[in-house]
C-alpha atoms as a PDB file:
ATOM      1  CA  MET A   1      -7.778  25.248   0.852  1.00  0.00           C
ATOM      2  CA  GLY A   2      -4.601  24.213   2.760  1.00  0.00           C
ATOM      3  CA  VAL A   3      -3.192  20.695   2.547  1.00  0.00           C
ATOM      4  CA  VAL A   4      -3.981  17.274   3.083  1.00  0.00           C
ATOM      5  CA  VAL A   5      -3.873  16.353   6.523  1.00  0.00           C
ATOM      6  CA  PRO A   6      -2.104  13.281   7.182  1.00  0.00           C
ATOM      7  CA  LEU A   7      -2.849  10.188   9.081  1.00  0.00           C
ATOM      8  CA  SER A   8      -0.533   9.219  11.670  1.00  0.00           C
ATOM      9  CA  ALA A   9       1.605   6.672   9.846  1.00  0.00           C
ATOM     10  CA  GLN A  10       2.293   4.322  13.159  1.00  0.00           C
ATOM     11  CA  GLN A  11       0.726   4.403  16.651  1.00  0.00           C
ATOM     12  CA  GLU A  12       2.623   2.527  19.189  1.00  0.00           C
ATOM     13  CA  GLY A  13       1.182  -1.130  19.744  1.00  0.00           C
ATOM     14  CA  LYS A  14      -1.341  -0.358  16.952  1.00  0.00           C
ATOM     15  CA  ALA A  15      -2.020  -1.002  13.203  1.00  0.00           C
ATOM     16  CA  SER A  16      -0.092   1.362  10.691  1.00  0.00           C
ATOM     17  CA  LEU A  17      -1.069   3.453   7.989  1.00  0.00           C
ATOM     18  CA  GLU A  18       2.199   3.775   6.589  1.00  0.00           C
ATOM     19  CA  ARG A  19       1.416   1.749   3.463  1.00  0.00           C
ATOM     20  CA  VAL A  20      -1.824   3.750   2.955  1.00  0.00           C
ATOM     21  CA  MET A  21      -0.153   7.069   3.126  1.00  0.00           C
ATOM     22  CA  ALA A  22       2.789   6.035   1.027  1.00  0.00           C
ATOM     23  CA  LEU A  23       0.640   4.629  -1.894  1.00  0.00           C
ATOM     24  CA  SER A  24      -1.595   7.526  -1.790  1.00  0.00           C
ATOM     25  CA  ALA A  25       0.622  10.464  -1.046  1.00  0.00           C
ATOM     26  CA  GLU A  26       1.507  11.896  -4.729  1.00  0.00           C
ATOM     27  CA  PRO A  27      -1.950  11.348  -6.204  1.00  0.00           C
ATOM     28  CA  MET A  28      -3.420  12.931  -2.909  1.00  0.00           C
ATOM     29  CA  GLN A  29      -1.171  15.929  -3.376  1.00  0.00           C
ATOM     30  CA  ARG A  30      -2.924  16.322  -6.964  1.00  0.00           C
ATOM     31  CA  VAL A  31      -6.576  15.797  -5.554  1.00  0.00           C
ATOM     32  CA  ASN A  32      -5.480  18.845  -3.071  1.00  0.00           C
ATOM     33  CA  GLN A  33      -4.651  20.866  -5.833  1.00  0.00           C
ATOM     34  CA  ILE A  34      -7.891  20.214  -7.540  1.00  0.00           C
ATOM     35  CA  ILE A  35      -9.712  20.804  -4.628  1.00  0.00           C
ATOM     36  CA  LEU A  36      -7.985  24.114  -4.152  1.00  0.00           C
ATOM     37  CA  GLY A  37      -9.102  24.885  -7.762  1.00  0.00           C
ATOM     38  CA  ARG A  38     -12.686  24.085  -7.298  1.00  0.00           C
ATOM     39  CA  THR A  39     -13.440  26.139  -4.039  1.00  0.00           C
ATOM     40  CA  GLY A  40     -12.559  29.405  -5.595  1.00  0.00           C
ATOM     41  CA  SER A  41     -15.179  31.831  -6.268  1.00  0.00           C
ATOM     42  CA  ASP A  42     -16.213  35.471  -6.918  1.00  0.00           C
ATOM     43  CA  VAL A  43     -18.608  35.003  -3.721  1.00  0.00           C
ATOM     44  CA  GLN A  44     -15.966  35.658  -1.002  1.00  0.00           C
ATOM     45  CA  MET A  45     -17.982  33.507   1.536  1.00  0.00           C
ATOM     46  CA  ILE A  46     -17.894  30.444  -0.467  1.00  0.00           C
ATOM     47  CA  PRO A  47     -14.077  29.859  -0.111  1.00  0.00           C
ATOM     48  CA  GLN A  48     -13.832  31.059   3.282  1.00  0.00           C
ATOM     49  CA  VAL A  49     -16.746  28.597   4.532  1.00  0.00           C
ATOM     50  CA  ALA A  50     -15.041  25.724   2.697  1.00  0.00           C
ATOM     51  CA  GLN A  51     -11.848  26.457   3.961  1.00  0.00           C
ATOM     52  CA  HIS A  52     -12.879  26.770   7.478  1.00  0.00           C
ATOM     53  CA  LEU A  53     -14.124  23.079   7.401  1.00  0.00           C
ATOM     54  CA  ILE A  54     -11.404  21.545   5.159  1.00  0.00           C
ATOM     55  CA  ASP A  55      -8.731  23.013   7.133  1.00  0.00           C
ATOM     56  CA  SER A  56     -10.211  22.061  10.586  1.00  0.00           C
ATOM     57  CA  GLY A  57      -8.558  18.519   9.949  1.00  0.00           C
ATOM     58  CA  GLY A  58      -9.999  15.062   9.031  1.00  0.00           C
ATOM     59  CA  LYS A  59      -8.552  12.084   7.723  1.00  0.00           C
ATOM     60  CA  ARG A  60      -9.553  12.423   4.040  1.00  0.00           C
ATOM     61  CA  LEU A  61     -10.024   8.629   4.061  1.00  0.00           C
ATOM     62  CA  ARG A  62     -12.781   8.567   1.705  1.00  0.00           C
ATOM     63  CA  PRO A  63     -10.730  10.043  -1.069  1.00  0.00           C
ATOM     64  CA  ILE A  64      -7.576   8.065  -0.392  1.00  0.00           C
ATOM     65  CA  LEU A  65      -9.745   5.062  -0.841  1.00  0.00           C
ATOM     66  CA  THR A  66     -10.929   6.288  -4.212  1.00  0.00           C
ATOM     67  CA  VAL A  67      -7.230   6.568  -5.296  1.00  0.00           C
ATOM     68  CA  LEU A  68      -6.314   3.245  -3.799  1.00  0.00           C
ATOM     69  CA  CYS A  69      -8.967   1.450  -5.441  1.00  0.00           C
ATOM     70  CA  GLY A  70      -8.234   2.808  -8.743  1.00  0.00           C
ATOM     71  CA  GLN A  71      -4.581   2.382  -8.507  1.00  0.00           C
ATOM     72  CA  MET A  72      -4.909  -1.323  -7.620  1.00  0.00           C
ATOM     73  CA  PHE A  73      -6.230  -1.888 -11.213  1.00  0.00           C
ATOM     74  CA  GLY A  74      -3.379  -0.079 -12.714  1.00  0.00           C
ATOM     75  CA  TYR A  75      -5.314   3.160 -13.324  1.00  0.00           C
ATOM     76  CA  GLY A  76      -2.960   6.317 -12.676  1.00  0.00           C
ATOM     77  CA  ALA A  77       0.348   4.999 -13.722  1.00  0.00           C
ATOM     78  CA  ASP A  78       0.157   7.644 -16.335  1.00  0.00           C
ATOM     79  CA  GLU A  79       0.032  11.084 -15.161  1.00  0.00           C
ATOM     80  CA  SER A  80      -2.770  11.732 -18.025  1.00  0.00           C
ATOM     81  CA  GLN A  81      -4.913   9.465 -15.986  1.00  0.00           C
ATOM     82  CA  GLU A  82      -6.581  11.627 -13.629  1.00  0.00           C
ATOM     83  CA  GLY A  83     -10.357  10.529 -13.409  1.00  0.00           C
ATOM     84  CA  HIS A  84      -9.604   8.795 -10.288  1.00  0.00           C
ATOM     85  CA  LEU A  85      -8.301  12.207  -8.834  1.00  0.00           C
ATOM     86  CA  LYS A  86     -11.332  13.923 -10.092  1.00  0.00           C
ATOM     87  CA  LEU A  87     -13.531  11.490  -8.489  1.00  0.00           C
ATOM     88  CA  ALA A  88     -11.719  11.534  -5.307  1.00  0.00           C
ATOM     89  CA  ALA A  89     -12.114  15.322  -4.869  1.00  0.00           C
ATOM     90  CA  SER A  90     -15.991  14.702  -5.543  1.00  0.00           C
ATOM     91  CA  VAL A  91     -16.083  12.307  -2.926  1.00  0.00           C
ATOM     92  CA  GLU A  92     -14.375  14.784  -0.224  1.00  0.00           C
ATOM     93  CA  PHE A  93     -16.829  17.698  -1.694  1.00  0.00           C
ATOM     94  CA  MET A  94     -19.834  15.465  -0.979  1.00  0.00           C
ATOM     95  CA  HIS A  95     -18.424  14.507   2.390  1.00  0.00           C
ATOM     96  CA  THR A  96     -17.534  18.193   3.268  1.00  0.00           C
ATOM     97  CA  ALA A  97     -21.090  19.449   2.248  1.00  0.00           C
ATOM     98  CA  THR A  98     -22.708  16.444   4.324  1.00  0.00           C
ATOM     99  CA  LEU A  99     -20.641  17.996   7.430  1.00  0.00           C
ATOM    100  CA  LEU A 100     -21.930  21.440   6.773  1.00  0.00           C
ATOM    101  CA  HIS A 101     -25.554  20.187   6.313  1.00  0.00           C
ATOM    102  CA  ASP A 102     -25.265  17.992   9.485  1.00  0.00           C
ATOM    103  CA  ASP A 103     -24.163  20.625  11.640  1.00  0.00           C
ATOM    104  CA  VAL A 104     -27.199  22.681  10.943  1.00  0.00           C
ATOM    105  CA  VAL A 105     -29.671  19.620  11.237  1.00  0.00           C
ATOM    106  CA  ASP A 106     -27.659  18.635  14.581  1.00  0.00           C
ATOM    107  CA  GLU A 107     -27.623  22.221  15.680  1.00  0.00           C
ATOM    108  CA  SER A 108     -23.878  21.620  16.674  1.00  0.00           C
ATOM    109  CA  ASP A 109     -21.706  24.253  17.953  1.00  0.00           C
ATOM    110  CA  MET A 110     -18.426  22.523  17.356  1.00  0.00           C
ATOM    111  CA  ARG A 111     -16.615  20.653  14.430  1.00  0.00           C
ATOM    112  CA  ARG A 112     -13.257  18.710  14.660  1.00  0.00           C
ATOM    113  CA  GLY A 113     -12.250  21.015  17.689  1.00  0.00           C
ATOM    114  CA  LYS A 114     -13.202  24.552  16.078  1.00  0.00           C
ATOM    115  CA  PRO A 115     -16.478  26.705  15.860  1.00  0.00           C
ATOM    116  CA  ALA A 116     -19.079  24.818  13.456  1.00  0.00           C
ATOM    117  CA  ALA A 117     -19.355  26.939  10.224  1.00  0.00           C
ATOM    118  CA  ARG A 118     -22.812  27.631  10.979  1.00  0.00           C
ATOM    119  CA  MET A 119     -21.708  29.469  14.172  1.00  0.00           C
ATOM    120  CA  VAL A 120     -19.328  31.744  12.143  1.00  0.00           C
ATOM    121  CA  TRP A 121     -21.244  32.366   9.105  1.00  0.00           C
ATOM    122  CA  GLY A 122     -24.746  31.066   9.993  1.00  0.00           C
ATOM    123  CA  ASN A 123     -26.942  28.365   9.094  1.00  0.00           C
ATOM    124  CA  GLN A 124     -28.036  29.760   5.543  1.00  0.00           C
ATOM    125  CA  ALA A 125     -24.731  30.132   4.590  1.00  0.00           C
ATOM    126  CA  SER A 126     -23.384  26.730   5.712  1.00  0.00           C
ATOM    127  CA  VAL A 127     -26.382  25.292   3.718  1.00  0.00           C
ATOM    128  CA  LEU A 128     -25.484  27.057   0.429  1.00  0.00           C
ATOM    129  CA  VAL A 129     -21.851  26.715   0.571  1.00  0.00           C
ATOM    130  CA  GLY A 130     -22.654  23.030   0.894  1.00  0.00           C
ATOM    131  CA  ASP A 131     -24.845  22.887  -1.842  1.00  0.00           C
ATOM    132  CA  PHE A 132     -22.078  24.765  -3.920  1.00  0.00           C
ATOM    133  CA  LEU A 133     -20.004  21.913  -3.218  1.00  0.00           C
ATOM    134  CA  LEU A 134     -22.171  19.370  -4.153  1.00  0.00           C
ATOM    135  CA  GLY A 135     -22.615  21.185  -7.382  1.00  0.00           C
ATOM    136  CA  GLN A 136     -18.871  21.269  -8.115  1.00  0.00           C
ATOM    137  CA  ALA A 137     -18.591  17.530  -7.149  1.00  0.00           C
ATOM    138  CA  PHE A 138     -21.453  16.745  -9.780  1.00  0.00           C
ATOM    139  CA  GLN A 139     -19.707  18.783 -12.173  1.00  0.00           C
ATOM    140  CA  MET A 140     -16.097  16.889 -11.836  1.00  0.00           C
ATOM    141  CA  MET A 141     -18.077  13.518 -12.049  1.00  0.00           C
ATOM    142  CA  VAL A 142     -19.296  14.545 -15.673  1.00  0.00           C
ATOM    143  CA  GLU A 143     -15.807  15.791 -16.839  1.00  0.00           C
ATOM    144  CA  VAL A 144     -14.674  12.312 -15.834  1.00  0.00           C
ATOM    145  CA  GLY A 145     -17.004  10.805 -18.600  1.00  0.00           C
ATOM    146  CA  SER A 146     -18.366   7.846 -16.710  1.00  0.00           C
ATOM    147  CA  LEU A 147     -21.927   7.174 -16.541  1.00  0.00           C
ATOM    148  CA  ASP A 148     -21.450   4.518 -14.298  1.00  0.00           C
ATOM    149  CA  ALA A 149     -19.387   6.283 -12.209  1.00  0.00           C
ATOM    150  CA  LEU A 150     -22.001   9.272 -11.924  1.00  0.00           C
ATOM    151  CA  GLN A 151     -24.661   6.871 -11.312  1.00  0.00           C
ATOM    152  CA  VAL A 152     -22.663   5.239  -8.457  1.00  0.00           C
ATOM    153  CA  LEU A 153     -22.086   8.586  -6.842  1.00  0.00           C
ATOM    154  CA  SER A 154     -25.329  10.391  -7.539  1.00  0.00           C
ATOM    155  CA  HIS A 155     -27.083   7.118  -5.808  1.00  0.00           C
ATOM    156  CA  ALA A 156     -24.940   7.657  -2.726  1.00  0.00           C
ATOM    157  CA  SER A 157     -25.998  11.339  -2.705  1.00  0.00           C
ATOM    158  CA  ALA A 158     -29.595  10.532  -2.686  1.00  0.00           C
ATOM    159  CA  VAL A 159     -29.011   7.852   0.238  1.00  0.00           C
ATOM    160  CA  ILE A 160     -27.041  10.379   2.242  1.00  0.00           C
ATOM    161  CA  ALA A 161     -29.795  12.451   2.443  1.00  0.00           C
ATOM    162  CA  GLU A 162     -32.475   9.673   2.879  1.00  0.00           C
ATOM    163  CA  GLY A 163     -30.292   8.786   5.989  1.00  0.00           C
ATOM    164  CA  GLU A 164     -30.455  12.228   7.133  1.00  0.00           C
ATOM    165  CA  VAL A 165     -34.428  12.094   6.967  1.00  0.00           C
ATOM    166  CA  MET A 166     -34.260   8.846   8.520  1.00  0.00           C
ATOM    167  CA  GLN A 167     -32.016  10.265  11.556  1.00  0.00           C
ATOM    168  CA  LEU A 168     -34.647  12.681  12.328  1.00  0.00           C
ATOM    169  CA  THR A 169     -37.057   9.712  13.365  1.00  0.00           C
ATOM    170  CA  THR A 170     -34.259   8.384  15.754  1.00  0.00           C
ATOM    171  CA  ALA A 171     -32.854  11.865  16.948  1.00  0.00           C
ATOM    172  CA  LYS A 172     -33.501  12.076  20.890  1.00  0.00           C
ATOM    173  CA  ASN A 173     -35.732   8.924  20.832  1.00  0.00           C
ATOM    174  CA  THR A 174     -34.671   6.205  23.275  1.00  0.00           C
ATOM    175  CA  ASN A 175     -37.182   3.879  21.494  1.00  0.00           C
ATOM    176  CA  THR A 176     -34.781   3.327  18.627  1.00  0.00           C
ATOM    177  CA  THR A 177     -33.568  -0.166  17.766  1.00  0.00           C
ATOM    178  CA  GLU A 178     -30.400  -1.372  16.823  1.00  0.00           C
ATOM    179  CA  ASP A 179     -31.705  -2.372  13.537  1.00  0.00           C
ATOM    180  CA  ASP A 180     -32.992   1.116  13.168  1.00  0.00           C
ATOM    181  CA  TYR A 181     -29.485   2.540  13.917  1.00  0.00           C
ATOM    182  CA  LEU A 182     -27.822   0.374  11.641  1.00  0.00           C
ATOM    183  CA  GLN A 183     -29.864   1.270   8.874  1.00  0.00           C
ATOM    184  CA  VAL A 184     -29.262   5.030   9.370  1.00  0.00           C
ATOM    185  CA  ILE A 185     -25.667   4.531   9.484  1.00  0.00           C
ATOM    186  CA  LYS A 186     -25.566   2.425   6.465  1.00  0.00           C
ATOM    187  CA  ALA A 187     -26.976   5.238   4.430  1.00  0.00           C
ATOM    188  CA  LYS A 188     -25.266   8.467   6.266  1.00  0.00           C
ATOM    189  CA  THR A 189     -22.025   6.881   6.532  1.00  0.00           C
ATOM    190  CA  ALA A 190     -21.318   3.831   4.859  1.00  0.00           C
ATOM    191  CA  ALA A 191     -23.004   4.605   1.443  1.00  0.00           C
ATOM    192  CA  LEU A 192     -20.204   7.143   0.702  1.00  0.00           C
ATOM    193  CA  PHE A 193     -17.356   4.895   1.876  1.00  0.00           C
ATOM    194  CA  SER A 194     -18.972   2.106  -0.518  1.00  0.00           C
ATOM    195  CA  ALA A 195     -19.388   4.261  -3.324  1.00  0.00           C
ATOM    196  CA  ALA A 196     -15.815   5.909  -2.860  1.00  0.00           C
ATOM    197  CA  CYS A 197     -14.364   2.616  -3.295  1.00  0.00           C
ATOM    198  CA  GLU A 198     -16.858   1.413  -6.309  1.00  0.00           C
ATOM    199  CA  VAL A 199     -15.847   4.066  -8.687  1.00  0.00           C
ATOM    200  CA  GLY A 200     -11.897   2.811  -8.381  1.00  0.00           C
ATOM    201  CA  PRO A 201     -12.541  -0.130 -10.599  1.00  0.00           C
ATOM    202  CA  ILE A 202     -15.069   1.530 -12.725  1.00  0.00           C
ATOM    203  CA  VAL A 203     -12.516   4.552 -13.991  1.00  0.00           C
ATOM    204  CA  ALA A 204      -9.802   1.905 -14.075  1.00  0.00           C
ATOM    205  CA  THR A 205     -11.775   0.083 -16.923  1.00  0.00           C
ATOM    206  CA  ALA A 206     -10.173   2.522 -19.311  1.00  0.00           C
ATOM    207  CA  VAL A 207      -6.764   0.683 -18.749  1.00  0.00           C
ATOM    208  CA  ASN A 208      -8.111  -2.637 -17.587  1.00  0.00           C
ATOM    209  CA  PRO A 209     -11.231  -3.344 -19.650  1.00  0.00           C
ATOM    210  CA  ASP A 210     -11.493  -6.880 -18.269  1.00  0.00           C
ATOM    211  CA  LEU A 211     -12.817  -5.260 -14.996  1.00  0.00           C
ATOM    212  CA  GLY A 212     -16.484  -5.782 -14.178  1.00  0.00           C
ATOM    213  CA  GLU A 213     -19.333  -6.654 -11.587  1.00  0.00           C
ATOM    214  CA  VAL A 214     -16.766  -9.008  -9.873  1.00  0.00           C
ATOM    215  CA  GLU A 215     -14.422  -6.340  -8.625  1.00  0.00           C
ATOM    216  CA  ARG A 216     -17.247  -3.772  -8.274  1.00  0.00           C
ATOM    217  CA  SER A 217     -18.994  -5.760  -5.950  1.00  0.00           C
ATOM    218  CA  ALA A 218     -16.076  -6.528  -3.983  1.00  0.00           C
ATOM    219  CA  LEU A 219     -15.182  -3.115  -3.333  1.00  0.00           C
ATOM    220  CA  ARG A 220     -18.794  -1.912  -2.773  1.00  0.00           C
ATOM    221  CA  SER A 221     -19.116  -4.512   0.197  1.00  0.00           C
ATOM    222  CA  TYR A 222     -15.589  -3.720   1.235  1.00  0.00           C
ATOM    223  CA  GLY A 223     -16.505  -0.016   1.541  1.00  0.00           C
ATOM    224  CA  THR A 224     -20.060  -0.617   3.136  1.00  0.00           C
ATOM    225  CA  ASN A 225     -18.683  -2.734   5.772  1.00  0.00           C
ATOM    226  CA  LEU A 226     -15.376  -0.436   6.416  1.00  0.00           C
ATOM    227  CA  GLY A 227     -18.059   2.342   6.802  1.00  0.00           C
ATOM    228  CA  LEU A 228     -20.030   0.915   9.167  1.00  0.00           C
ATOM    229  CA  ALA A 229     -17.244  -0.090  11.311  1.00  0.00           C
ATOM    230  CA  PHE A 230     -15.700   3.183  11.108  1.00  0.00           C
ATOM    231  CA  GLN A 231     -18.905   4.835  12.446  1.00  0.00           C
ATOM    232  CA  LEU A 232     -19.520   2.376  15.063  1.00  0.00           C
ATOM    233  CA  VAL A 233     -15.943   2.849  16.455  1.00  0.00           C
ATOM    234  CA  ASP A 234     -16.715   6.924  16.422  1.00  0.00           C
ATOM    235  CA  ASP A 235     -19.654   5.915  18.225  1.00  0.00           C
ATOM    236  CA  ALA A 236     -17.755   3.901  20.883  1.00  0.00           C
ATOM    237  CA  LEU A 237     -15.047   6.511  21.174  1.00  0.00           C
ATOM    238  CA  ASP A 238     -17.419   9.105  22.189  1.00  0.00           C
ATOM    239  CA  TYR A 239     -17.784   6.940  25.517  1.00  0.00           C
ATOM    240  CA  GLY A 240     -14.537   5.198  25.839  1.00  0.00           C
ATOM    241  CA  GLY A 241     -11.898   7.207  23.722  1.00  0.00           C
ATOM    242  CA  SER A 242      -9.857  10.153  23.901  1.00  0.00           C
ATOM    243  CA  ALA A 243     -10.246  13.514  21.936  1.00  0.00           C
ATOM    244  CA  LYS A 244      -7.082  13.004  19.732  1.00  0.00           C
ATOM    245  CA  ASP A 245      -8.809   9.375  18.572  1.00  0.00           C
ATOM    246  CA  LEU A 246     -12.104  10.848  17.871  1.00  0.00           C
ATOM    247  CA  GLY A 247     -11.162  14.154  16.368  1.00  0.00           C
ATOM    248  CA  LYS A 248     -13.682  15.984  18.785  1.00  0.00           C
ATOM    249  CA  ASP A 249     -14.458  16.449  22.288  1.00  0.00           C
ATOM    250  CA  ILE A 250     -15.410  13.313  24.150  1.00  0.00           C
ATOM    251  CA  GLY A 251     -19.157  13.244  25.020  1.00  0.00           C
ATOM    252  CA  ASP A 252     -20.292  15.488  22.204  1.00  0.00           C
ATOM    253  CA  ASP A 253     -22.807  12.845  21.123  1.00  0.00           C
ATOM    254  CA  PHE A 254     -24.016  12.514  24.541  1.00  0.00           C
ATOM    255  CA  ARG A 255     -24.086  16.495  24.821  1.00  0.00           C
ATOM    256  CA  GLU A 256     -26.042  16.594  21.262  1.00  0.00           C
ATOM    257  CA  ARG A 257     -28.479  13.875  22.745  1.00  0.00           C
ATOM    258  CA  LYS A 258     -27.653  11.654  19.899  1.00  0.00           C
ATOM    259  CA  VAL A 259     -29.032   7.938  20.261  1.00  0.00           C
ATOM    260  CA  THR A 260     -26.085   6.082  19.172  1.00  0.00           C
ATOM    261  CA  LEU A 261     -25.494   2.087  19.501  1.00  0.00           C
ATOM    262  CA  PRO A 262     -23.824   2.387  22.969  1.00  0.00           C
ATOM    263  CA  VAL A 263     -26.708   4.316  24.222  1.00  0.00           C
ATOM    264  CA  ILE A 264     -29.160   2.118  22.574  1.00  0.00           C
ATOM    265  CA  LEU A 265     -27.825  -1.015  24.346  1.00  0.00           C
ATOM    266  CA  ALA A 266     -27.337   0.596  27.574  1.00  0.00           C
ATOM    267  CA  TYR A 267     -30.766   1.830  27.383  1.00  0.00           C
ATOM    268  CA  ARG A 268     -32.394  -1.638  26.638  1.00  0.00           C
ATOM    269  CA  ARG A 269     -30.303  -3.475  29.375  1.00  0.00           C
ATOM    270  CA  SER A 270     -31.430  -0.631  31.887  1.00  0.00           C
ATOM    271  CA  GLU A 271     -31.996  -1.388  35.545  1.00  0.00           C
ATOM    272  CA  GLY A 272     -33.805   0.330  38.179  1.00  0.00           C
ATOM    273  CA  ASN A 273     -33.950   3.991  37.444  1.00  0.00           C
ATOM    274  CA  GLU A 274     -31.453   3.987  34.652  1.00  0.00           C
ATOM    275  CA  LYS A 275     -34.102   4.334  31.966  1.00  0.00           C
ATOM    276  CA  ALA A 276     -35.404   7.320  33.607  1.00  0.00           C
ATOM    277  CA  PHE A 277     -31.865   8.922  33.638  1.00  0.00           C
ATOM    278  CA  TRP A 278     -31.228   8.226  30.043  1.00  0.00           C
ATOM    279  CA  GLU A 279     -34.933   9.841  29.127  1.00  0.00           C
ATOM    280  CA  ARG A 280     -34.249  12.805  30.939  1.00  0.00           C
ATOM    281  CA  VAL A 281     -30.569  13.536  29.434  1.00  0.00           C
ATOM    282  CA  ILE A 282     -31.632  12.322  26.019  1.00  0.00           C
ATOM    283  CA  VAL A 283     -35.452  12.764  25.451  1.00  0.00           C
ATOM    284  CA  ASP A 284     -35.863  16.015  27.670  1.00  0.00           C
ATOM    285  CA  GLY A 285     -32.401  17.436  27.224  1.00  0.00           C
ATOM    286  CA  ASP A 286     -32.139  17.844  31.044  1.00  0.00           C
ATOM    287  CA  GLN A 287     -28.401  17.595  31.432  1.00  0.00           C
ATOM    288  CA  ARG A 288     -26.713  18.157  35.039  1.00  0.00           C
ATOM    289  CA  ASP A 289     -23.335  18.319  36.276  1.00  0.00           C
ATOM    290  CA  GLY A 290     -21.856  14.771  36.339  1.00  0.00           C
ATOM    291  CA  ASP A 291     -24.473  13.290  33.896  1.00  0.00           C
ATOM    292  CA  LEU A 292     -21.750  12.719  31.184  1.00  0.00           C
ATOM    293  CA  GLU A 293     -19.827  10.725  33.617  1.00  0.00           C
ATOM    294  CA  ARG A 294     -22.546   8.860  34.635  1.00  0.00           C
ATOM    295  CA  GLY A 295     -23.529   8.079  31.243  1.00  0.00           C
ATOM    296  CA  ILE A 296     -20.236   6.655  30.328  1.00  0.00           C
ATOM    297  CA  ARG A 297     -20.263   4.512  33.354  1.00  0.00           C
ATOM    298  CA  LEU A 298     -23.451   2.934  32.589  1.00  0.00           C
ATOM    299  CA  VAL A 299     -22.634   2.425  28.989  1.00  0.00           C
ATOM    300  CA  ARG A 300     -19.582   0.350  30.146  1.00  0.00           C
ATOM    301  CA  GLU A 301     -21.412  -1.368  32.924  1.00  0.00           C
ATOM    302  CA  ARG A 302     -24.451  -2.629  30.466  1.00  0.00           C
ATOM    303  CA  GLY A 303     -21.792  -3.750  28.012  1.00  0.00           C
ATOM    304  CA  GLY A 304     -22.889  -0.984  25.402  1.00  0.00           C
ATOM    305  CA  LEU A 305     -19.334  -0.016  24.728  1.00  0.00           C
ATOM    306  CA  ALA A 306     -17.954  -3.680  24.362  1.00  0.00           C
ATOM    307  CA  ASP A 307     -20.674  -4.759  22.477  1.00  0.00           C
ATOM    308  CA  THR A 308     -20.444  -1.506  19.850  1.00  0.00           C
ATOM    309  CA  ILE A 309     -16.941  -2.530  19.548  1.00  0.00           C
ATOM    310  CA  SER A 310     -17.512  -6.032  18.992  1.00  0.00           C
ATOM    311  CA  ARG A 311     -20.103  -5.245  16.137  1.00  0.00           C
ATOM    312  CA  ALA A 312     -17.299  -3.071  14.570  1.00  0.00           C
ATOM    313  CA  ARG A 313     -14.991  -5.878  14.590  1.00  0.00           C
ATOM    314  CA  HIS A 314     -17.556  -8.049  12.943  1.00  0.00           C
ATOM    315  CA  PHE A 315     -18.050  -5.561   9.959  1.00  0.00           C
ATOM    316  CA  GLY A 316     -14.403  -4.894   9.960  1.00  0.00           C
ATOM    317  CA  ALA A 317     -13.794  -8.826   9.277  1.00  0.00           C
ATOM    318  CA  VAL A 318     -16.525  -8.672   6.765  1.00  0.00           C
ATOM    319  CA  ALA A 319     -14.719  -5.791   4.780  1.00  0.00           C
ATOM    320  CA  CYS A 320     -11.827  -7.777   4.840  1.00  0.00           C
ATOM    321  CA  ASP A 321     -13.543 -10.864   3.505  1.00  0.00           C
ATOM    322  CA  ALA A 322     -14.890  -8.819   0.700  1.00  0.00           C
ATOM    323  CA  LEU A 323     -11.508  -8.311  -0.728  1.00  0.00           C
ATOM    324  CA  ASP A 324     -10.358 -12.160  -0.996  1.00  0.00           C
ATOM    325  CA  GLY A 325     -11.083 -12.916  -4.504  1.00  0.00           C
ATOM    326  CA  LEU A 326      -8.988  -9.821  -5.711  1.00  0.00           C
ATOM    327  CA  PRO A 327      -5.550  -9.846  -6.807  1.00  0.00           C
ATOM    328  CA  GLN A 328      -2.872  -9.725  -4.432  1.00  0.00           C
ATOM    329  CA  THR A 329      -1.258  -5.897  -4.410  1.00  0.00           C
ATOM    330  CA  GLU A 330      -0.068  -3.355  -2.428  1.00  0.00           C
ATOM    331  CA  GLU A 331      -3.110  -1.220  -2.643  1.00  0.00           C
ATOM    332  CA  LYS A 332      -5.034  -4.333  -1.489  1.00  0.00           C
ATOM    333  CA  ALA A 333      -2.824  -4.889   1.633  1.00  0.00           C
ATOM    334  CA  ALA A 334      -3.223  -1.264   2.319  1.00  0.00           C
ATOM    335  CA  LEU A 335      -7.029  -1.521   2.398  1.00  0.00           C
ATOM    336  CA  LEU A 336      -6.685  -4.319   4.665  1.00  0.00           C
ATOM    337  CA  ASP A 337      -4.483  -1.925   6.873  1.00  0.00           C
ATOM    338  CA  ALA A 338      -6.887   0.820   6.654  1.00  0.00           C
ATOM    339  CA  VAL A 339      -9.712  -1.814   8.431  1.00  0.00           C
ATOM    340  CA  ALA A 340      -7.175  -2.661  11.137  1.00  0.00           C
ATOM    341  CA  PHE A 341      -6.319   0.922  11.900  1.00  0.00           C
ATOM    342  CA  CYS A 342     -10.060   1.785  11.943  1.00  0.00           C
ATOM    343  CA  ILE A 343     -10.908  -0.785  14.563  1.00  0.00           C
ATOM    344  CA  ASP A 344      -7.601  -0.324  16.778  1.00  0.00           C
ATOM    345  CA  ARG A 345      -8.658   3.341  17.057  1.00  0.00           C
ATOM    346  CA  VAL A 346     -10.841   2.126  20.120  1.00  0.00           C
ATOM    347  CA  THR A 347      -8.723  -0.671  21.317  1.00  0.00           C
END
């Protein structure tokens, strides 16, 4: 299944993930071994499709959060303590399954600069391999033996599916409101970030039985708000970033006619014939040479880009504030670094 793809430890003038990577490096290698073992199957297509997507890159940020949120309360000091590792692998499988399913629903041709799995093996294989990965994720959750962790992650899985259905109502719909869109990304993106963080203190009760709702609530809030900030930054990067920062081609959201926050704001603030432009390229799908460049210009001129970044910063600040009551540890500092890095991708 390949190796864990490291995040850049330092970008000139930007927040560093050096502490995040240093604290998670060894346990994430163990998580990677679990992933390798759990994607094996006598059905040859299953490891091929799964490997195609996981090897194509990605930050592995969600499982890293699970590892850090367990370690910050003392779990994992003993090598026999691997519940957080199995939960981290479960989180990664849930995320990978979602990507496979998303590409089918969105009819995406590319994923992280490579042909989407559905373009290589077809829609049916993509959906079914995604289901296989979800099955493996839930099997590992059961092996950990924590009903609380199982409840949190299974609830997240249901919420993510709800988000997918909600997105169908906003797809290619220029009447989508900002509140509608935030509801979608809270379900589709933030729910898994939230669960990935919350299961850390849950599994850590094995070594720290005093942990309870205070710690779970703090990390649940941190994960939710980091997830919202992360998605909004991705939205902004599609209209104001680089392919290196985004992990995909600039303008993919535009070409796929996705109604993200920059478009919602630009459309609401349109002047003259701008609304007609957005309806042609998003609703009708009639995209012509130069339309992407015009869309990027309109998003900037109408404040869609700047205000999306502003919203992301707000949620990032809320994420940081959620950690205030937790003990000062290297892992807590790393979680704060992760927020800064997320926001700095677009600054």
